[in-house]
Amino acid sequence: MKISALFAVPLLLGLFLVGSAQTPNLVPLEQTLRESRGKKRVLLIAAPNAAQADFKTQKALLAAHPQELADRDFLVLEVLYD
């Protein structure tokens, strides 16, 4: 399973790969979790596809609070699965 990082907090908050002209950088989930251990609080947003209503709602809710996520050292990751 591969993941696409929505944003890395506190780096560039509010910078989303969705809508970006660039292709997302795919990294194995296991590697990302291992590298984040003890450094970030990882929050996974998962859905079978990006068109899911709940998936979109969760992303919008999180996007509205970038400073709060940064203050708490969150790394939010988008996980799409089959």
PDB file of N, CA and C in Angstrom:
ATOM      1  N   MET A   1       0.847  -1.178   0.000  1.00  0.00           N
ATOM      2  CA  MET A   1       0.000   0.000   0.000  1.00  0.00           C
ATOM      3  C   MET A   1       0.887   1.233   0.000  1.00  0.00           C
ATOM      4  N   LYS A   2       0.587   2.194  -0.833  1.00  0.00           N
ATOM      5  CA  LYS A   2       1.326   3.450  -0.914  1.00  0.00           C
ATOM      6  C   LYS A   2       0.462   4.568  -0.361  1.00  0.00           C
ATOM      7  N   ILE A   3       1.111   5.643   0.095  1.00  0.00           N
ATOM      8  CA  ILE A   3       0.378   6.784   0.624  1.00  0.00           C
ATOM      9  C   ILE A   3       0.826   8.063  -0.050  1.00  0.00           C
ATOM     10  N   SER A   4       0.008   9.036   0.061  1.00  0.00           N
ATOM     11  CA  SER A   4       0.331  10.355  -0.455  1.00  0.00           C
ATOM     12  C   SER A   4       0.161  11.342   0.686  1.00  0.00           C
ATOM     13  N   ALA A   5       1.202  12.042   1.043  1.00  0.00           N
ATOM     14  CA  ALA A   5       1.109  12.986   2.160  1.00  0.00           C
ATOM     15  C   ALA A   5       0.285  14.193   1.756  1.00  0.00           C
ATOM     16  N   LEU A   6      -0.733  14.484   2.528  1.00  0.00           N
ATOM     17  CA  LEU A   6      -1.517  15.698   2.296  1.00  0.00           C
ATOM     18  C   LEU A   6      -0.700  16.910   2.683  1.00  0.00           C
ATOM     19  N   PHE A   7      -0.197  16.868   3.866  1.00  0.00           N
ATOM     20  CA  PHE A   7       0.686  17.932   4.309  1.00  0.00           C
ATOM     21  C   PHE A   7       1.488  17.466   5.501  1.00  0.00           C
ATOM     22  N   ALA A   8       2.660  17.995   5.637  1.00  0.00           N
ATOM     23  CA  ALA A   8       3.507  17.681   6.775  1.00  0.00           C
ATOM     24  C   ALA A   8       3.488  18.889   7.694  1.00  0.00           C
ATOM     25  N   VAL A   9       2.973  18.705   8.875  1.00  0.00           N
ATOM     26  CA  VAL A   9       2.859  19.780   9.848  1.00  0.00           C
ATOM     27  C   VAL A   9       4.103  19.703  10.719  1.00  0.00           C
ATOM     28  N   PRO A  10       4.800  20.761  11.027  1.00  0.00           N
ATOM     29  CA  PRO A  10       4.496  22.162  10.769  1.00  0.00           C
ATOM     30  C   PRO A  10       5.165  22.740   9.539  1.00  0.00           C
ATOM     31  N   LEU A  11       5.656  21.960   8.641  1.00  0.00           N
ATOM     32  CA  LEU A  11       6.360  22.489   7.483  1.00  0.00           C
ATOM     33  C   LEU A  11       5.512  23.487   6.709  1.00  0.00           C
ATOM     34  N   LEU A  12       4.961  23.147   5.613  1.00  0.00           N
ATOM     35  CA  LEU A  12       4.176  24.091   4.818  1.00  0.00           C
ATOM     36  C   LEU A  12       2.705  23.801   5.005  1.00  0.00           C
ATOM     37  N   LEU A  13       2.121  24.453   6.001  1.00  0.00           N
ATOM     38  CA  LEU A  13       0.722  24.200   6.324  1.00  0.00           C
ATOM     39  C   LEU A  13      -0.172  24.695   5.200  1.00  0.00           C
ATOM     40  N   GLY A  14      -1.221  23.948   4.994  1.00  0.00           N
ATOM     41  CA  GLY A  14      -2.186  24.348   3.990  1.00  0.00           C
ATOM     42  C   GLY A  14      -1.754  24.027   2.572  1.00  0.00           C
ATOM     43  N   LEU A  15      -0.591  23.463   2.408  1.00  0.00           N
ATOM     44  CA  LEU A  15      -0.126  23.100   1.076  1.00  0.00           C
ATOM     45  C   LEU A  15      -0.555  21.672   0.798  1.00  0.00           C
ATOM     46  N   PHE A  16      -1.523  21.516  -0.066  1.00  0.00           N
ATOM     47  CA  PHE A  16      -2.073  20.202  -0.359  1.00  0.00           C
ATOM     48  C   PHE A  16      -1.624  19.734  -1.729  1.00  0.00           C
ATOM     49  N   LEU A  17      -1.395  18.448  -1.825  1.00  0.00           N
ATOM     50  CA  LEU A  17      -1.050  17.874  -3.120  1.00  0.00           C
ATOM     51  C   LEU A  17      -2.278  17.774  -4.015  1.00  0.00           C
ATOM     52  N   VAL A  18      -3.442  17.678  -3.396  1.00  0.00           N
ATOM     53  CA  VAL A  18      -4.674  17.636  -4.166  1.00  0.00           C
ATOM     54  C   VAL A  18      -4.840  18.991  -4.827  1.00  0.00           C
ATOM     55  N   GLY A  19      -5.017  19.011  -6.107  1.00  0.00           N
ATOM     56  CA  GLY A  19      -5.148  20.266  -6.830  1.00  0.00           C
ATOM     57  C   GLY A  19      -3.803  20.789  -7.310  1.00  0.00           C
ATOM     58  N   SER A  20      -2.736  20.141  -6.901  1.00  0.00           N
ATOM     59  CA  SER A  20      -1.408  20.550  -7.319  1.00  0.00           C
ATOM     60  C   SER A  20      -1.133  20.023  -8.721  1.00  0.00           C
ATOM     61  N   ALA A  21      -0.299  20.743  -9.446  1.00  0.00           N
ATOM     62  CA  ALA A  21       0.047  20.314 -10.796  1.00  0.00           C
ATOM     63  C   ALA A  21       1.048  19.167 -10.759  1.00  0.00           C
ATOM     64  N   GLN A  22       1.679  18.950  -9.602  1.00  0.00           N
ATOM     65  CA  GLN A  22       2.680  17.904  -9.486  1.00  0.00           C
ATOM     66  C   GLN A  22       2.040  16.584  -9.085  1.00  0.00           C
ATOM     67  N   THR A  23       2.700  15.497  -9.441  1.00  0.00           N
ATOM     68  CA  THR A  23       2.279  14.168  -9.022  1.00  0.00           C
ATOM     69  C   THR A  23       2.714  13.976  -7.579  1.00  0.00           C
ATOM     70  N   PRO A  24       1.856  13.424  -6.718  1.00  0.00           N
ATOM     71  CA  PRO A  24       2.231  13.211  -5.320  1.00  0.00           C
ATOM     72  C   PRO A  24       3.422  12.273  -5.207  1.00  0.00           C
ATOM     73  N   ASN A  25       4.248  12.517  -4.207  1.00  0.00           N
ATOM     74  CA  ASN A  25       5.398  11.667  -3.930  1.00  0.00           C
ATOM     75  C   ASN A  25       4.915  10.461  -3.137  1.00  0.00           C
ATOM     76  N   LEU A  26       4.957   9.286  -3.720  1.00  0.00           N
ATOM     77  CA  LEU A  26       4.473   8.073  -3.067  1.00  0.00           C
ATOM     78  C   LEU A  26       5.577   7.442  -2.237  1.00  0.00           C
ATOM     79  N   VAL A  27       5.259   7.151  -0.997  1.00  0.00           N
ATOM     80  CA  VAL A  27       6.197   6.559  -0.054  1.00  0.00           C
ATOM     81  C   VAL A  27       5.478   5.399   0.632  1.00  0.00           C
ATOM     82  N   PRO A  28       6.165   4.276   0.847  1.00  0.00           N
ATOM     83  CA  PRO A  28       5.513   3.170   1.553  1.00  0.00           C
ATOM     84  C   PRO A  28       5.029   3.607   2.937  1.00  0.00           C
ATOM     85  N   LEU A  29       3.829   3.194   3.289  1.00  0.00           N
ATOM     86  CA  LEU A  29       3.242   3.563   4.570  1.00  0.00           C
ATOM     87  C   LEU A  29       4.132   3.143   5.732  1.00  0.00           C
ATOM     88  N   GLU A  30       4.646   1.940   5.666  1.00  0.00           N
ATOM     89  CA  GLU A  30       5.507   1.434   6.738  1.00  0.00           C
ATOM     90  C   GLU A  30       6.707   2.350   6.970  1.00  0.00           C
ATOM     91  N   GLN A  31       7.319   2.819   5.897  1.00  0.00           N
ATOM     92  CA  GLN A  31       8.482   3.705   6.000  1.00  0.00           C
ATOM     93  C   GLN A  31       8.096   5.034   6.652  1.00  0.00           C
ATOM     94  N   THR A  32       6.993   5.608   6.232  1.00  0.00           N
ATOM     95  CA  THR A  32       6.542   6.881   6.789  1.00  0.00           C
ATOM     96  C   THR A  32       6.241   6.754   8.272  1.00  0.00           C
ATOM     97  N   LEU A  33       5.557   5.680   8.656  1.00  0.00           N
ATOM     98  CA  LEU A  33       5.241   5.470  10.067  1.00  0.00           C
ATOM     99  C   LEU A  33       6.510   5.270  10.897  1.00  0.00           C
ATOM    100  N   ARG A  34       7.435   4.510  10.363  1.00  0.00           N
ATOM    101  CA  ARG A  34       8.692   4.263  11.079  1.00  0.00           C
ATOM    102  C   ARG A  34       9.461   5.576  11.276  1.00  0.00           C
ATOM    103  N   GLU A  35       9.546   6.383  10.239  1.00  0.00           N
ATOM    104  CA  GLU A  35      10.287   7.647  10.311  1.00  0.00           C
ATOM    105  C   GLU A  35       9.601   8.672  11.220  1.00  0.00           C
ATOM    106  N   SER A  36       8.307   8.559  11.389  1.00  0.00           N
ATOM    107  CA  SER A  36       7.549   9.512  12.204  1.00  0.00           C
ATOM    108  C   SER A  36       7.493   9.131  13.675  1.00  0.00           C
ATOM    109  N   ARG A  37       7.834   7.902  13.987  1.00  0.00           N
ATOM    110  CA  ARG A  37       7.722   7.412  15.363  1.00  0.00           C
ATOM    111  C   ARG A  37       8.542   8.277  16.323  1.00  0.00           C
ATOM    112  N   GLY A  38       7.864   8.765  17.353  1.00  0.00           N
ATOM    113  CA  GLY A  38       8.516   9.593  18.346  1.00  0.00           C
ATOM    114  C   GLY A  38       8.721  11.039  17.922  1.00  0.00           C
ATOM    115  N   LYS A  39       8.341  11.367  16.689  1.00  0.00           N
ATOM    116  CA  LYS A  39       8.526  12.725  16.178  1.00  0.00           C
ATOM    117  C   LYS A  39       7.202  13.422  15.899  1.00  0.00           C
ATOM    118  N   LYS A  40       6.266  12.694  15.336  1.00  0.00           N
ATOM    119  CA  LYS A  40       4.977  13.253  14.915  1.00  0.00           C
ATOM    120  C   LYS A  40       3.846  12.355  15.388  1.00  0.00           C
ATOM    121  N   ARG A  41       2.675  12.954  15.507  1.00  0.00           N
ATOM    122  CA  ARG A  41       1.450  12.191  15.726  1.00  0.00           C
ATOM    123  C   ARG A  41       0.847  11.980  14.353  1.00  0.00           C
ATOM    124  N   VAL A  42       0.749  10.751  13.944  1.00  0.00           N
ATOM    125  CA  VAL A  42       0.283  10.439  12.589  1.00  0.00           C
ATOM    126  C   VAL A  42      -1.224  10.218  12.601  1.00  0.00           C
ATOM    127  N   LEU A  43      -1.897  10.911  11.707  1.00  0.00           N
ATOM    128  CA  LEU A  43      -3.338  10.762  11.528  1.00  0.00           C
ATOM    129  C   LEU A  43      -3.574  10.290  10.101  1.00  0.00           C
ATOM    130  N   LEU A  44      -4.155   9.090   9.966  1.00  0.00           N
ATOM    131  CA  LEU A  44      -4.440   8.529   8.647  1.00  0.00           C
ATOM    132  C   LEU A  44      -5.886   8.815   8.290  1.00  0.00           C
ATOM    133  N   ILE A  45      -6.084   9.315   7.074  1.00  0.00           N
ATOM    134  CA  ILE A  45      -7.425   9.493   6.520  1.00  0.00           C
ATOM    135  C   ILE A  45      -7.500   8.498   5.372  1.00  0.00           C
ATOM    136  N   ALA A  46      -8.352   7.494   5.515  1.00  0.00           N
ATOM    137  CA  ALA A  46      -8.378   6.407   4.544  1.00  0.00           C
ATOM    138  C   ALA A  46      -9.750   6.258   3.903  1.00  0.00           C
ATOM    139  N   ALA A  47      -9.723   5.875   2.625  1.00  0.00           N
ATOM    140  CA  ALA A  47     -10.949   5.632   1.863  1.00  0.00           C
ATOM    141  C   ALA A  47     -10.591   4.833   0.617  1.00  0.00           C
ATOM    142  N   PRO A  48     -11.588   4.174   0.022  1.00  0.00           N
ATOM    143  CA  PRO A  48     -11.320   3.425  -1.199  1.00  0.00           C
ATOM    144  C   PRO A  48     -10.965   4.332  -2.375  1.00  0.00           C
ATOM    145  N   ASN A  49     -11.466   5.564  -2.340  1.00  0.00           N
ATOM    146  CA  ASN A  49     -11.117   6.522  -3.399  1.00  0.00           C
ATOM    147  C   ASN A  49     -11.331   7.943  -2.875  1.00  0.00           C
ATOM    148  N   ALA A  50     -10.745   8.899  -3.545  1.00  0.00           N
ATOM    149  CA  ALA A  50     -10.790  10.299  -3.105  1.00  0.00           C
ATOM    150  C   ALA A  50     -12.160  10.935  -3.276  1.00  0.00           C
ATOM    151  N   ALA A  51     -13.066  10.280  -3.960  1.00  0.00           N
ATOM    152  CA  ALA A  51     -14.402  10.841  -4.184  1.00  0.00           C
ATOM    153  C   ALA A  51     -15.372  10.558  -3.038  1.00  0.00           C
ATOM    154  N   GLN A  52     -14.979   9.735  -2.073  1.00  0.00           N
ATOM    155  CA  GLN A  52     -15.845   9.407  -0.939  1.00  0.00           C
ATOM    156  C   GLN A  52     -16.232  10.675  -0.178  1.00  0.00           C
ATOM    157  N   ALA A  53     -17.499  10.824   0.144  1.00  0.00           N
ATOM    158  CA  ALA A  53     -17.987  12.024   0.840  1.00  0.00           C
ATOM    159  C   ALA A  53     -17.339  12.199   2.210  1.00  0.00           C
ATOM    160  N   ASP A  54     -17.246  11.122   2.988  1.00  0.00           N
ATOM    161  CA  ASP A  54     -16.631  11.219   4.308  1.00  0.00           C
ATOM    162  C   ASP A  54     -15.157  11.610   4.217  1.00  0.00           C
ATOM    163  N   PHE A  55     -14.484  11.084   3.235  1.00  0.00           N
ATOM    164  CA  PHE A  55     -13.069  11.386   3.005  1.00  0.00           C
ATOM    165  C   PHE A  55     -12.891  12.878   2.727  1.00  0.00           C
ATOM    166  N   LYS A  56     -13.720  13.413   1.840  1.00  0.00           N
ATOM    167  CA  LYS A  56     -13.667  14.835   1.510  1.00  0.00           C
ATOM    168  C   LYS A  56     -13.983  15.702   2.730  1.00  0.00           C
ATOM    169  N   THR A  57     -14.966  15.291   3.510  1.00  0.00           N
ATOM    170  CA  THR A  57     -15.351  16.047   4.700  1.00  0.00           C
ATOM    171  C   THR A  57     -14.210  16.080   5.716  1.00  0.00           C
ATOM    172  N   GLN A  58     -13.581  14.947   5.950  1.00  0.00           N
ATOM    173  CA  GLN A  58     -12.475  14.888   6.894  1.00  0.00           C
ATOM    174  C   GLN A  58     -11.316  15.779   6.452  1.00  0.00           C
ATOM    175  N   LYS A  59     -11.003  15.752   5.165  1.00  0.00           N
ATOM    176  CA  LYS A  59      -9.925  16.592   4.653  1.00  0.00           C
ATOM    177  C   LYS A  59     -10.261  18.075   4.833  1.00  0.00           C
ATOM    178  N   ALA A  60     -11.506  18.449   4.561  1.00  0.00           N
ATOM    179  CA  ALA A  60     -11.922  19.841   4.702  1.00  0.00           C
ATOM    180  C   ALA A  60     -11.869  20.290   6.157  1.00  0.00           C
ATOM    181  N   LEU A  61     -12.311  19.439   7.069  1.00  0.00           N
ATOM    182  CA  LEU A  61     -12.270  19.784   8.493  1.00  0.00           C
ATOM    183  C   LEU A  61     -10.838  20.000   8.976  1.00  0.00           C
ATOM    184  N   LEU A  62      -9.946  19.140   8.558  1.00  0.00           N
ATOM    185  CA  LEU A  62      -8.544  19.284   8.950  1.00  0.00           C
ATOM    186  C   LEU A  62      -7.884  20.498   8.308  1.00  0.00           C
ATOM    187  N   ALA A  63      -8.228  20.774   7.066  1.00  0.00           N
ATOM    188  CA  ALA A  63      -7.655  21.926   6.371  1.00  0.00           C
ATOM    189  C   ALA A  63      -8.042  23.246   7.032  1.00  0.00           C
ATOM    190  N   ALA A  64      -9.154  23.246   7.732  1.00  0.00           N
ATOM    191  CA  ALA A  64      -9.622  24.463   8.397  1.00  0.00           C
ATOM    192  C   ALA A  64      -8.855  24.755   9.689  1.00  0.00           C
ATOM    193  N   HIS A  65      -8.015  23.827  10.134  1.00  0.00           N
ATOM    194  CA  HIS A  65      -7.314  23.992  11.409  1.00  0.00           C
ATOM    195  C   HIS A  65      -5.824  23.684  11.313  1.00  0.00           C
ATOM    196  N   PRO A  66      -5.119  24.287  10.375  1.00  0.00           N
ATOM    197  CA  PRO A  66      -3.700  23.942  10.216  1.00  0.00           C
ATOM    198  C   PRO A  66      -2.841  24.320  11.425  1.00  0.00           C
ATOM    199  N   GLN A  67      -3.142  25.438  12.075  1.00  0.00           N
ATOM    200  CA  GLN A  67      -2.319  25.848  13.213  1.00  0.00           C
ATOM    201  C   GLN A  67      -2.485  24.902  14.401  1.00  0.00           C
ATOM    202  N   GLU A  68      -3.703  24.467  14.629  1.00  0.00           N
ATOM    203  CA  GLU A  68      -3.945  23.530  15.719  1.00  0.00           C
ATOM    204  C   GLU A  68      -3.210  22.207  15.475  1.00  0.00           C
ATOM    205  N   LEU A  69      -3.193  21.752  14.237  1.00  0.00           N
ATOM    206  CA  LEU A  69      -2.469  20.528  13.894  1.00  0.00           C
ATOM    207  C   LEU A  69      -0.969  20.732  14.083  1.00  0.00           C
ATOM    208  N   ALA A  70      -0.474  21.884  13.689  1.00  0.00           N
ATOM    209  CA  ALA A  70       0.953  22.185  13.836  1.00  0.00           C
ATOM    210  C   ALA A  70       1.338  22.243  15.304  1.00  0.00           C
ATOM    211  N   ASP A  71       0.504  22.867  16.113  1.00  0.00           N
ATOM    212  CA  ASP A  71       0.777  22.985  17.547  1.00  0.00           C
ATOM    213  C   ASP A  71       0.892  21.617  18.209  1.00  0.00           C
ATOM    214  N   ARG A  72       0.217  20.645  17.656  1.00  0.00           N
ATOM    215  CA  ARG A  72       0.204  19.301  18.234  1.00  0.00           C
ATOM    216  C   ARG A  72       1.092  18.315  17.466  1.00  0.00           C
ATOM    217  N   ASP A  73       1.900  18.842  16.545  1.00  0.00           N
ATOM    218  CA  ASP A  73       2.851  18.024  15.768  1.00  0.00           C
ATOM    219  C   ASP A  73       2.199  16.875  15.004  1.00  0.00           C
ATOM    220  N   PHE A  74       1.075  17.142  14.354  1.00  0.00           N
ATOM    221  CA  PHE A  74       0.405  16.120  13.561  1.00  0.00           C
ATOM    222  C   PHE A  74       0.985  16.030  12.159  1.00  0.00           C
ATOM    223  N   LEU A  75       1.038  14.826  11.664  1.00  0.00           N
ATOM    224  CA  LEU A  75       1.344  14.541  10.268  1.00  0.00           C
ATOM    225  C   LEU A  75       0.102  13.849   9.725  1.00  0.00           C
ATOM    226  N   VAL A  76      -0.606  14.497   8.810  1.00  0.00           N
ATOM    227  CA  VAL A  76      -1.845  13.949   8.261  1.00  0.00           C
ATOM    228  C   VAL A  76      -1.522  13.289   6.931  1.00  0.00           C
ATOM    229  N   LEU A  77      -1.915  12.019   6.796  1.00  0.00           N
ATOM    230  CA  LEU A  77      -1.633  11.248   5.588  1.00  0.00           C
ATOM    231  C   LEU A  77      -2.933  10.753   4.955  1.00  0.00           C
ATOM    232  N   GLU A  78      -2.978  10.846   3.660  1.00  0.00           N
ATOM    233  CA  GLU A  78      -4.112  10.350   2.864  1.00  0.00           C
ATOM    234  C   GLU A  78      -3.767   8.937   2.392  1.00  0.00           C
ATOM    235  N   VAL A  79      -4.634   7.977   2.678  1.00  0.00           N
ATOM    236  CA  VAL A  79      -4.418   6.597   2.271  1.00  0.00           C
ATOM    237  C   VAL A  79      -5.597   6.155   1.422  1.00  0.00           C
ATOM    238  N   LEU A  80      -5.335   5.841   0.169  1.00  0.00           N
ATOM    239  CA  LEU A  80      -6.369   5.329  -0.726  1.00  0.00           C
ATOM    240  C   LEU A  80      -6.104   3.840  -0.956  1.00  0.00           C
ATOM    241  N   TYR A  81      -7.135   3.042  -0.829  1.00  0.00           N
ATOM    242  CA  TYR A  81      -6.982   1.594  -0.957  1.00  0.00           C
ATOM    243  C   TYR A  81      -8.052   1.027  -1.897  1.00  0.00           C
ATOM    244  N   ASP A  82      -7.848  -0.183  -2.323  1.00  0.00           N
ATOM    245  CA  ASP A  82      -8.796  -0.864  -3.212  1.00  0.00           C
ATOM    246  C   ASP A  82      -9.706  -1.761  -2.421  1.00  0.00           C
TER     247      ASP A  82
END
